[in-house]
PDB file of all heavy atoms in Angstrom:
ATOM      1  N   ALA A   1    -169.763  82.845   7.162  1.00  0.00           N
ATOM      2  CA  ALA A   1    -168.694  83.553   6.450  1.00  0.00           C
ATOM      3  C   ALA A   1    -167.467  83.579   7.326  1.00  0.00           C
ATOM      4  O   ALA A   1    -167.560  83.573   8.561  1.00  0.00           O
ATOM      5  CB  ALA A   1    -169.135  84.978   6.097  1.00  0.00           C
ATOM      6  N   ALA A   2    -166.299  83.579   6.715  1.00  0.00           N
ATOM      7  CA  ALA A   2    -165.033  83.646   7.437  1.00  0.00           C
ATOM      8  C   ALA A   2    -164.186  84.758   6.842  1.00  0.00           C
ATOM      9  O   ALA A   2    -164.017  84.849   5.634  1.00  0.00           O
ATOM     10  CB  ALA A   2    -164.293  82.309   7.361  1.00  0.00           C
ATOM     11  N   VAL A   3    -163.657  85.630   7.726  1.00  0.00           N
ATOM     12  CA  VAL A   3    -162.860  86.779   7.309  1.00  0.00           C
ATOM     13  C   VAL A   3    -161.412  86.587   7.729  1.00  0.00           C
ATOM     14  O   VAL A   3    -161.136  86.304   8.898  1.00  0.00           O
ATOM     15  CB  VAL A   3    -163.409  88.090   7.919  1.00  0.00           C
ATOM     16  CG1 VAL A   3    -162.595  89.286   7.439  1.00  0.00           C
ATOM     17  CG2 VAL A   3    -164.880  88.276   7.620  1.00  0.00           C
ATOM     18  N   LEU A   4    -160.502  86.733   6.788  1.00  0.00           N
ATOM     19  CA  LEU A   4    -159.083  86.845   7.121  1.00  0.00           C
ATOM     20  C   LEU A   4    -158.777  88.312   7.361  1.00  0.00           C
ATOM     21  O   LEU A   4    -158.896  89.127   6.444  1.00  0.00           O
ATOM     22  CB  LEU A   4    -158.219  86.299   5.973  1.00  0.00           C
ATOM     23  CG  LEU A   4    -156.723  86.642   6.061  1.00  0.00           C
ATOM     24  CD1 LEU A   4    -156.077  86.000   7.274  1.00  0.00           C
ATOM     25  CD2 LEU A   4    -156.008  86.250   4.779  1.00  0.00           C
ATOM     26  N   TRP A   5    -158.426  88.648   8.610  1.00  0.00           N
ATOM     27  CA  TRP A   5    -158.106  90.044   8.954  1.00  0.00           C
ATOM     28  C   TRP A   5    -156.618  90.165   9.176  1.00  0.00           C
ATOM     29  O   TRP A   5    -156.098  89.771  10.219  1.00  0.00           O
ATOM     30  CB  TRP A   5    -158.876  90.488  10.184  1.00  0.00           C
ATOM     31  CG  TRP A   5    -158.782  91.966  10.461  1.00  0.00           C
ATOM     32  CD1 TRP A   5    -159.600  92.953   9.955  1.00  0.00           C
ATOM     33  CD2 TRP A   5    -157.817  92.636  11.301  1.00  0.00           C
ATOM     34  NE1 TRP A   5    -159.194  94.183  10.424  1.00  0.00           N
ATOM     35  CE2 TRP A   5    -158.089  94.019  11.238  1.00  0.00           C
ATOM     36  CE3 TRP A   5    -156.756  92.196  12.071  1.00  0.00           C
ATOM     37  CZ2 TRP A   5    -157.367  94.973  11.948  1.00  0.00           C
ATOM     38  CZ3 TRP A   5    -155.987  93.148  12.762  1.00  0.00           C
ATOM     39  CH2 TRP A   5    -156.312  94.512  12.701  1.00  0.00           C
ATOM     40  N   LEU A   6    -155.926  90.692   8.192  1.00  0.00           N
ATOM     41  CA  LEU A   6    -154.490  90.920   8.288  1.00  0.00           C
ATOM     42  C   LEU A   6    -154.225  92.398   7.992  1.00  0.00           C
ATOM     43  O   LEU A   6    -153.613  92.773   7.012  1.00  0.00           O
ATOM     44  CB  LEU A   6    -153.740  90.007   7.311  1.00  0.00           C
ATOM     45  CG  LEU A   6    -152.210  90.071   7.335  1.00  0.00           C
ATOM     46  CD1 LEU A   6    -151.661  89.926   8.759  1.00  0.00           C
ATOM     47  CD2 LEU A   6    -151.613  89.013   6.436  1.00  0.00           C
ATOM     48  N   ASP A   7    -154.770  93.239   8.863  1.00  0.00           N
ATOM     49  CA  ASP A   7    -154.628  94.675   8.695  1.00  0.00           C
ATOM     50  C   ASP A   7    -153.736  95.236   9.789  1.00  0.00           C
ATOM     51  O   ASP A   7    -154.033  96.270  10.392  1.00  0.00           O
ATOM     52  CB  ASP A   7    -156.012  95.344   8.726  1.00  0.00           C
ATOM     53  CG  ASP A   7    -155.968  96.759   8.175  1.00  0.00           C
ATOM     54  OD1 ASP A   7    -154.973  97.124   7.527  1.00  0.00           O
ATOM     55  OD2 ASP A   7    -156.938  97.517   8.378  1.00  0.00           O
ATOM     56  N   TYR A   8    -152.660  94.516  10.074  1.00  0.00           N
ATOM     57  CA  TYR A   8    -151.677  95.013  11.044  1.00  0.00           C
ATOM     58  C   TYR A   8    -150.304  94.517  10.625  1.00  0.00           C
ATOM     59  O   TYR A   8    -150.158  93.670   9.738  1.00  0.00           O
ATOM     60  CB  TYR A   8    -152.023  94.545  12.451  1.00  0.00           C
ATOM     61  CG  TYR A   8    -151.630  93.141  12.825  1.00  0.00           C
ATOM     62  CD1 TYR A   8    -150.533  92.899  13.641  1.00  0.00           C
ATOM     63  CD2 TYR A   8    -152.344  92.022  12.370  1.00  0.00           C
ATOM     64  CE1 TYR A   8    -150.166  91.609  13.993  1.00  0.00           C
ATOM     65  CE2 TYR A   8    -151.988  90.739  12.727  1.00  0.00           C
ATOM     66  CZ  TYR A   8    -150.879  90.527  13.535  1.00  0.00           C
ATOM     67  OH  TYR A   8    -150.519  89.258  13.876  1.00  0.00           O
ATOM     68  N   ASP A   9    -149.281  95.072  11.264  1.00  0.00           N
ATOM     69  CA  ASP A   9    -147.906  94.770  10.899  1.00  0.00           C
ATOM     70  C   ASP A   9    -147.460  93.532  11.644  1.00  0.00           C
ATOM     71  O   ASP A   9    -146.911  93.603  12.749  1.00  0.00           O
ATOM     72  CB  ASP A   9    -147.008  95.957  11.254  1.00  0.00           C
ATOM     73  CG  ASP A   9    -145.576  95.774  10.826  1.00  0.00           C
ATOM     74  OD1 ASP A   9    -145.329  94.889   9.975  1.00  0.00           O
ATOM     75  OD2 ASP A   9    -144.691  96.494  11.335  1.00  0.00           O
ATOM     76  N   ALA A  10    -147.729  92.362  11.071  1.00  0.00           N
ATOM     77  CA  ALA A  10    -147.330  91.105  11.702  1.00  0.00           C
ATOM     78  C   ALA A  10    -145.807  90.951  11.573  1.00  0.00           C
ATOM     79  O   ALA A  10    -145.239  91.117  10.489  1.00  0.00           O
ATOM     80  CB  ALA A  10    -148.042  89.931  11.031  1.00  0.00           C
ATOM     81  N   ARG A  11    -145.169  90.614  12.674  1.00  0.00           N
ATOM     82  CA  ARG A  11    -143.701  90.510  12.693  1.00  0.00           C
ATOM     83  C   ARG A  11    -143.224  89.227  12.005  1.00  0.00           C
ATOM     84  O   ARG A  11    -143.907  88.216  12.012  1.00  0.00           O
ATOM     85  CB  ARG A  11    -143.194  90.519  14.139  1.00  0.00           C
ATOM     86  CG  ARG A  11    -143.553  91.794  14.875  1.00  0.00           C
ATOM     87  CD  ARG A  11    -142.721  92.991  14.389  1.00  0.00           C
ATOM     88  NE  ARG A  11    -143.217  93.579  13.137  1.00  0.00           N
ATOM     89  CZ  ARG A  11    -142.560  94.496  12.435  1.00  0.00           C
ATOM     90  NH1 ARG A  11    -141.375  94.905  12.848  1.00  0.00           N
ATOM     91  NH2 ARG A  11    -143.068  94.976  11.347  1.00  0.00           N
ATOM     92  N   ASP A  12    -142.011  89.305  11.456  1.00  0.00           N
ATOM     93  CA  ASP A  12    -141.430  88.161  10.743  1.00  0.00           C
ATOM     94  C   ASP A  12    -140.457  87.368  11.597  1.00  0.00           C
ATOM     95  O   ASP A  12    -140.301  86.156  11.408  1.00  0.00           O
ATOM     96  CB  ASP A  12    -140.695  88.628   9.486  1.00  0.00           C
ATOM     97  CG  ASP A  12    -141.661  88.978   8.369  1.00  0.00           C
ATOM     98  OD1 ASP A  12    -142.769  88.410   8.356  1.00  0.00           O
ATOM     99  OD2 ASP A  12    -141.329  89.816   7.527  1.00  0.00           O
ATOM    100  N   LEU A  13    -139.761  88.045  12.487  1.00  0.00           N
ATOM    101  CA  LEU A  13    -138.688  87.405  13.240  1.00  0.00           C
ATOM    102  C   LEU A  13    -139.045  87.294  14.717  1.00  0.00           C
ATOM    103  O   LEU A  13    -139.785  88.124  15.261  1.00  0.00           O
ATOM    104  CB  LEU A  13    -137.384  88.196  13.092  1.00  0.00           C
ATOM    105  CG  LEU A  13    -136.910  88.392  11.634  1.00  0.00           C
ATOM    106  CD1 LEU A  13    -135.694  89.299  11.608  1.00  0.00           C
ATOM    107  CD2 LEU A  13    -136.599  87.048  11.004  1.00  0.00           C
ATOM    108  N   LEU A  14    -138.503  86.258  15.354  1.00  0.00           N
ATOM    109  CA  LEU A  14    -138.848  85.977  16.744  1.00  0.00           C
ATOM    110  C   LEU A  14    -138.489  87.142  17.654  1.00  0.00           C
ATOM    111  O   LEU A  14    -139.273  87.506  18.542  1.00  0.00           O
ATOM    112  CB  LEU A  14    -138.137  84.692  17.209  1.00  0.00           C
ATOM    113  CG  LEU A  14    -138.467  84.217  18.623  1.00  0.00           C
ATOM    114  CD1 LEU A  14    -139.961  83.944  18.741  1.00  0.00           C
ATOM    115  CD2 LEU A  14    -137.661  82.984  18.968  1.00  0.00           C
ATOM    116  N   HIS A  15    -137.322  87.757  17.443  1.00  0.00           N
ATOM    117  CA  HIS A  15    -136.922  88.851  18.341  1.00  0.00           C
ATOM    118  C   HIS A  15    -137.844  90.072  18.176  1.00  0.00           C
ATOM    119  O   HIS A  15    -137.925  90.903  19.071  1.00  0.00           O
ATOM    120  CB  HIS A  15    -135.462  89.220  18.099  1.00  0.00           C
ATOM    121  CG  HIS A  15    -135.220  89.997  16.848  1.00  0.00           C
ATOM    122  ND1 HIS A  15    -134.996  89.393  15.627  1.00  0.00           N
ATOM    123  CD2 HIS A  15    -135.206  91.360  16.600  1.00  0.00           C
ATOM    124  CE1 HIS A  15    -134.815  90.333  14.700  1.00  0.00           C
ATOM    125  NE2 HIS A  15    -134.939  91.516  15.258  1.00  0.00           N
ATOM    126  N   GLU A  16    -138.526  90.163  17.003  1.00  0.00           N
ATOM    127  CA  GLU A  16    -139.461  91.262  16.823  1.00  0.00           C
ATOM    128  C   GLU A  16    -140.797  90.992  17.498  1.00  0.00           C
ATOM    129  O   GLU A  16    -141.540  91.919  17.827  1.00  0.00           O
ATOM    130  CB  GLU A  16    -139.715  91.498  15.315  1.00  0.00           C
ATOM    131  CG  GLU A  16    -138.473  91.945  14.566  1.00  0.00           C
ATOM    132  CD  GLU A  16    -138.749  92.036  13.067  1.00  0.00           C
ATOM    133  OE1 GLU A  16    -139.470  91.188  12.540  1.00  0.00           O
ATOM    134  OE2 GLU A  16    -138.229  92.973  12.440  1.00  0.00           O
ATOM    135  N   ALA A  17    -141.119  89.703  17.683  1.00  0.00           N
ATOM    136  CA  ALA A  17    -142.420  89.333  18.232  1.00  0.00           C
ATOM    137  C   ALA A  17    -142.425  89.269  19.753  1.00  0.00           C
ATOM    138  O   ALA A  17    -143.439  88.901  20.347  1.00  0.00           O
ATOM    139  CB  ALA A  17    -142.825  87.961  17.675  1.00  0.00           C
ATOM    140  N   ILE A  18    -141.333  89.660  20.410  1.00  0.00           N
ATOM    141  CA  ILE A  18    -141.329  89.632  21.871  1.00  0.00           C
ATOM    142  C   ILE A  18    -141.956  90.884  22.462  1.00  0.00           C
ATOM    143  O   ILE A  18    -142.133  90.972  23.671  1.00  0.00           O
ATOM    144  CB  ILE A  18    -139.884  89.459  22.403  1.00  0.00           C
ATOM    145  CG1 ILE A  18    -139.025  90.666  22.005  1.00  0.00           C
ATOM    146  CG2 ILE A  18    -139.286  88.154  21.916  1.00  0.00           C
ATOM    147  CD1 ILE A  18    -137.615  90.622  22.611  1.00  0.00           C
ATOM    148  N   SER A  19    -142.298  91.849  21.628  1.00  0.00           N
ATOM    149  CA  SER A  19    -142.934  93.089  22.084  1.00  0.00           C
ATOM    150  C   SER A  19    -144.432  93.053  21.792  1.00  0.00           C
ATOM    151  O   SER A  19    -144.863  92.508  20.777  1.00  0.00           O
ATOM    152  CB  SER A  19    -142.301  94.284  21.391  1.00  0.00           C
ATOM    153  OG  SER A  19    -143.069  95.465  21.610  1.00  0.00           O
ATOM    154  N   ALA A  20    -145.205  93.646  22.691  1.00  0.00           N
ATOM    155  CA  ALA A  20    -146.663  93.740  22.496  1.00  0.00           C
ATOM    156  C   ALA A  20    -147.048  94.971  21.707  1.00  0.00           C
ATOM    157  O   ALA A  20    -148.236  95.209  21.486  1.00  0.00           O
ATOM    158  CB  ALA A  20    -147.363  93.750  23.864  1.00  0.00           C
ATOM    159  N   ARG A  21    -146.075  95.755  21.245  1.00  0.00           N
ATOM    160  CA  ARG A  21    -146.390  97.032  20.594  1.00  0.00           C
ATOM    161  C   ARG A  21    -147.238  96.843  19.343  1.00  0.00           C
ATOM    162  O   ARG A  21    -148.195  97.579  19.099  1.00  0.00           O
ATOM    163  CB  ARG A  21    -145.115  97.784  20.245  1.00  0.00           C
ATOM    164  CG  ARG A  21    -145.376  99.156  19.620  1.00  0.00           C
ATOM    165  CD  ARG A  21    -144.080  99.894  19.345  1.00  0.00           C
ATOM    166  NE  ARG A  21    -143.222  99.155  18.429  1.00  0.00           N
ATOM    167  CZ  ARG A  21    -143.371  99.180  17.100  1.00  0.00           C
ATOM    168  NH1 ARG A  21    -144.368  99.869  16.544  1.00  0.00           N
ATOM    169  NH2 ARG A  21    -142.552  98.499  16.330  1.00  0.00           N
ATOM    170  N   GLN A  22    -146.905  95.857  18.495  1.00  0.00           N
ATOM    171  CA  GLN A  22    -147.663  95.648  17.267  1.00  0.00           C
ATOM    172  C   GLN A  22    -149.121  95.276  17.597  1.00  0.00           C
ATOM    173  O   GLN A  22    -150.039  95.709  16.912  1.00  0.00           O
ATOM    174  CB  GLN A  22    -147.023  94.565  16.407  1.00  0.00           C
ATOM    175  CG  GLN A  22    -145.752  94.973  15.691  1.00  0.00           C
ATOM    176  CD  GLN A  22    -144.557  94.991  16.622  1.00  0.00           C
ATOM    177  OE1 GLN A  22    -144.563  94.317  17.649  1.00  0.00           O
ATOM    178  NE2 GLN A  22    -143.543  95.765  16.295  1.00  0.00           N
ATOM    179  N   ALA A  23    -149.303  94.484  18.634  1.00  0.00           N
ATOM    180  CA  ALA A  23    -150.663  94.114  19.037  1.00  0.00           C
ATOM    181  C   ALA A  23    -151.430  95.333  19.521  1.00  0.00           C
ATOM    182  O   ALA A  23    -152.618  95.511  19.207  1.00  0.00           O
ATOM    183  CB  ALA A  23    -150.618  93.033  20.116  1.00  0.00           C
ATOM    184  N   GLN A  24    -150.765  96.184  20.279  1.00  0.00           N
ATOM    185  CA  GLN A  24    -151.416  97.383  20.775  1.00  0.00           C
ATOM    186  C   GLN A  24    -151.762  98.335  19.617  1.00  0.00           C
ATOM    187  O   GLN A  24    -152.834  98.953  19.596  1.00  0.00           O
ATOM    188  CB  GLN A  24    -150.510  98.080  21.796  1.00  0.00           C
ATOM    189  CG  GLN A  24    -150.318  97.278  23.073  1.00  0.00           C
ATOM    190  CD  GLN A  24    -149.137  97.764  23.892  1.00  0.00           C
ATOM    191  OE1 GLN A  24    -148.354  98.635  23.466  1.00  0.00           O
ATOM    192  NE2 GLN A  24    -148.980  97.179  25.083  1.00  0.00           N
ATOM    193  N   ASP A  25    -150.837  98.441  18.658  1.00  0.00           N
ATOM    194  CA  ASP A  25    -151.088  99.319  17.500  1.00  0.00           C
ATOM    195  C   ASP A  25    -152.250  98.819  16.652  1.00  0.00           C
ATOM    196  O   ASP A  25    -152.965  99.595  16.034  1.00  0.00           O
ATOM    197  CB  ASP A  25    -149.828  99.415  16.636  1.00  0.00           C
ATOM    198  CG  ASP A  25    -148.699 100.189  17.327  1.00  0.00           C
ATOM    199  OD1 ASP A  25    -148.980 100.868  18.328  1.00  0.00           O
ATOM    200  OD2 ASP A  25    -147.552 100.061  16.867  1.00  0.00           O
ATOM    201  N   ALA A  26    -152.442  97.496  16.610  1.00  0.00           N
ATOM    202  CA  ALA A  26    -153.499  96.916  15.789  1.00  0.00           C
ATOM    203  C   ALA A  26    -154.877  97.083  16.402  1.00  0.00           C
ATOM    204  O   ALA A  26    -155.890  96.975  15.702  1.00  0.00           O
ATOM    205  CB  ALA A  26    -153.220  95.435  15.553  1.00  0.00           C
ATOM    206  N   GLY A  27    -154.947  97.318  17.711  1.00  0.00           N
ATOM    207  CA  GLY A  27    -156.222  97.330  18.426  1.00  0.00           C
ATOM    208  C   GLY A  27    -157.299  98.224  17.847  1.00  0.00           C
ATOM    209  O   GLY A  27    -158.425  97.771  17.597  1.00  0.00           O
ATOM    210  N   PRO A  28    -157.038  99.504  17.627  1.00  0.00           N
ATOM    211  CA  PRO A  28    -158.101 100.388  17.116  1.00  0.00           C
ATOM    212  C   PRO A  28    -158.673  99.931  15.774  1.00  0.00           C
ATOM    213  O   PRO A  28    -159.875 100.009  15.557  1.00  0.00           O
ATOM    214  CB  PRO A  28    -157.409 101.745  16.994  1.00  0.00           C
ATOM    215  CG  PRO A  28    -156.306 101.704  18.015  1.00  0.00           C
ATOM    216  CD  PRO A  28    -155.823 100.280  17.988  1.00  0.00           C
ATOM    217  N   ALA A  29    -157.802  99.431  14.876  1.00  0.00           N
ATOM    218  CA  ALA A  29    -158.277  98.981  13.564  1.00  0.00           C
ATOM    219  C   ALA A  29    -159.158  97.750  13.678  1.00  0.00           C
ATOM    220  O   ALA A  29    -160.216  97.654  13.019  1.00  0.00           O
ATOM    221  CB  ALA A  29    -157.104  98.702  12.636  1.00  0.00           C
ATOM    222  N   LEU A  30    -158.761  96.779  14.523  1.00  0.00           N
ATOM    223  CA  LEU A  30    -159.577  95.579  14.696  1.00  0.00           C
ATOM    224  C   LEU A  30    -160.901  95.896  15.364  1.00  0.00           C
ATOM    225  O   LEU A  30    -161.944  95.364  14.984  1.00  0.00           O
ATOM    226  CB  LEU A  30    -158.799  94.530  15.508  1.00  0.00           C
ATOM    227  CG  LEU A  30    -159.538  93.216  15.787  1.00  0.00           C
ATOM    228  CD1 LEU A  30    -159.950  92.529  14.485  1.00  0.00           C
ATOM    229  CD2 LEU A  30    -158.657  92.290  16.617  1.00  0.00           C
ATOM    230  N   GLN A  31    -160.862  96.801  16.338  1.00  0.00           N
ATOM    231  CA  GLN A  31    -162.098  97.192  17.014  1.00  0.00           C
ATOM    232  C   GLN A  31    -163.058  97.851  16.033  1.00  0.00           C
ATOM    233  O   GLN A  31    -164.261  97.550  16.025  1.00  0.00           O
ATOM    234  CB  GLN A  31    -161.766  98.150  18.164  1.00  0.00           C
ATOM    235  CG  GLN A  31    -162.954  98.480  19.058  1.00  0.00           C
ATOM    236  CD  GLN A  31    -163.662  99.773  18.642  1.00  0.00           C
ATOM    237  OE1 GLN A  31    -163.116 100.557  17.860  1.00  0.00           O
ATOM    238  NE2 GLN A  31    -164.864  99.971  19.125  1.00  0.00           N
ATOM    239  N   ARG A  32    -162.554  98.750  15.180  1.00  0.00           N
ATOM    240  CA  ARG A  32    -163.409  99.422  14.193  1.00  0.00           C
ATOM    241  C   ARG A  32    -163.963  98.414  13.178  1.00  0.00           C
ATOM    242  O   ARG A  32    -165.124  98.527  12.761  1.00  0.00           O
ATOM    243  CB  ARG A  32    -162.621 100.514  13.453  1.00  0.00           C
ATOM    244  CG  ARG A  32    -162.441 101.805  14.232  1.00  0.00           C
ATOM    245  CD  ARG A  32    -161.716 102.840  13.377  1.00  0.00           C
ATOM    246  NE  ARG A  32    -162.470 103.090  12.148  1.00  0.00           N
ATOM    247  CZ  ARG A  32    -163.441 103.996  12.042  1.00  0.00           C
ATOM    248  NH1 ARG A  32    -163.794 104.721  13.091  1.00  0.00           N
ATOM    249  NH2 ARG A  32    -164.059 104.193  10.889  1.00  0.00           N
ATOM    250  N   PHE A  33    -163.130  97.478  12.784  1.00  0.00           N
ATOM    251  CA  PHE A  33    -163.600  96.504  11.800  1.00  0.00           C
ATOM    252  C   PHE A  33    -164.773  95.700  12.333  1.00  0.00           C
ATOM    253  O   PHE A  33    -165.778  95.498  11.646  1.00  0.00           O
ATOM    254  CB  PHE A  33    -162.454  95.570  11.382  1.00  0.00           C
ATOM    255  CG  PHE A  33    -162.866  94.521  10.386  1.00  0.00           C
ATOM    256  CD1 PHE A  33    -163.065  94.861   9.052  1.00  0.00           C
ATOM    257  CD2 PHE A  33    -163.100  93.212  10.780  1.00  0.00           C
ATOM    258  CE1 PHE A  33    -163.464  93.895   8.125  1.00  0.00           C
ATOM    259  CE2 PHE A  33    -163.501  92.258   9.863  1.00  0.00           C
ATOM    260  CZ  PHE A  33    -163.681  92.605   8.538  1.00  0.00           C
ATOM    261  N   GLN A  34    -164.650  95.234  13.572  1.00  0.00           N
ATOM    262  CA  GLN A  34    -165.744  94.462  14.150  1.00  0.00           C
ATOM    263  C   GLN A  34    -166.984  95.311  14.345  1.00  0.00           C
ATOM    264  O   GLN A  34    -168.116  94.840  14.124  1.00  0.00           O
ATOM    265  CB  GLN A  34    -165.305  93.856  15.494  1.00  0.00           C
ATOM    266  CG  GLN A  34    -164.359  92.677  15.351  1.00  0.00           C
ATOM    267  CD  GLN A  34    -164.959  91.519  14.594  1.00  0.00           C
ATOM    268  OE1 GLN A  34    -164.426  91.090  13.567  1.00  0.00           O
ATOM    269  NE2 GLN A  34    -166.078  90.986  15.060  1.00  0.00           N
ATOM    270  N   GLU A  35    -166.819  96.554  14.715  1.00  0.00           N
ATOM    271  CA  GLU A  35    -167.976  97.463  14.806  1.00  0.00           C
ATOM    272  C   GLU A  35    -168.619  97.652  13.435  1.00  0.00           C
ATOM    273  O   GLU A  35    -169.841  97.731  13.309  1.00  0.00           O
ATOM    274  CB  GLU A  35    -167.539  98.816  15.369  1.00  0.00           C
ATOM    275  CG  GLU A  35    -167.124  98.797  16.824  1.00  0.00           C
ATOM    276  CD  GLU A  35    -168.297  98.633  17.781  1.00  0.00           C
ATOM    277  OE1 GLU A  35    -169.455  98.772  17.338  1.00  0.00           O
ATOM    278  OE2 GLU A  35    -168.048  98.354  18.957  1.00  0.00           O
ATOM    279  N   GLY A  36    -167.776  97.697  12.399  1.00  0.00           N
ATOM    280  CA  GLY A  36    -168.302  97.818  11.045  1.00  0.00           C
ATOM    281  C   GLY A  36    -169.113  96.618  10.629  1.00  0.00           C
ATOM    282  O   GLY A  36    -170.146  96.752   9.963  1.00  0.00           O
ATOM    283  N   LEU A  37    -168.673  95.405  11.003  1.00  0.00           N
ATOM    284  CA  LEU A  37    -169.433  94.214  10.692  1.00  0.00           C
ATOM    285  C   LEU A  37    -170.820  94.255  11.327  1.00  0.00           C
ATOM    286  O   LEU A  37    -171.814  93.854  10.725  1.00  0.00           O
ATOM    287  CB  LEU A  37    -168.691  92.951  11.153  1.00  0.00           C
ATOM    288  CG  LEU A  37    -167.420  92.562  10.389  1.00  0.00           C
ATOM    289  CD1 LEU A  37    -166.826  91.286  10.968  1.00  0.00           C
ATOM    290  CD2 LEU A  37    -167.708  92.372   8.900  1.00  0.00           C
ATOM    291  N   ARG A  38    -170.885  94.749  12.550  1.00  0.00           N
ATOM    292  CA  ARG A  38    -172.177  94.889  13.219  1.00  0.00           C
ATOM    293  C   ARG A  38    -173.054  95.903  12.496  1.00  0.00           C
ATOM    294  O   ARG A  38    -174.261  95.708  12.301  1.00  0.00           O
ATOM    295  CB  ARG A  38    -171.967  95.342  14.667  1.00  0.00           C
ATOM    296  CG  ARG A  38    -171.365  94.310  15.591  1.00  0.00           C
ATOM    297  CD  ARG A  38    -172.350  93.262  16.001  1.00  0.00           C
ATOM    298  NE  ARG A  38    -171.920  92.533  17.211  1.00  0.00           N
ATOM    299  CZ  ARG A  38    -172.210  91.280  17.445  1.00  0.00           C
ATOM    300  NH1 ARG A  38    -172.885  90.561  16.546  1.00  0.00           N
ATOM    301  NH2 ARG A  38    -171.818  90.691  18.560  1.00  0.00           N
ATOM    302  N   ALA A  39    -172.442  97.023  12.091  1.00  0.00           N
ATOM    303  CA  ALA A  39    -173.216  98.121  11.495  1.00  0.00           C
ATOM    304  C   ALA A  39    -173.786  97.765  10.133  1.00  0.00           C
ATOM    305  O   ALA A  39    -174.875  98.213   9.778  1.00  0.00           O
ATOM    306  CB  ALA A  39    -172.338  99.366  11.386  1.00  0.00           C
TER     307      ALA A  39
END
């Protein structure tokens, strides 16, 4: 099975993607999702 996980605010513009903040904000949700797959 293959899952598309797009449950975070992916940036549209290059100047917005120079910050790691969106990646850091996405962390808890991605971690919970993977734990859910295990459970």
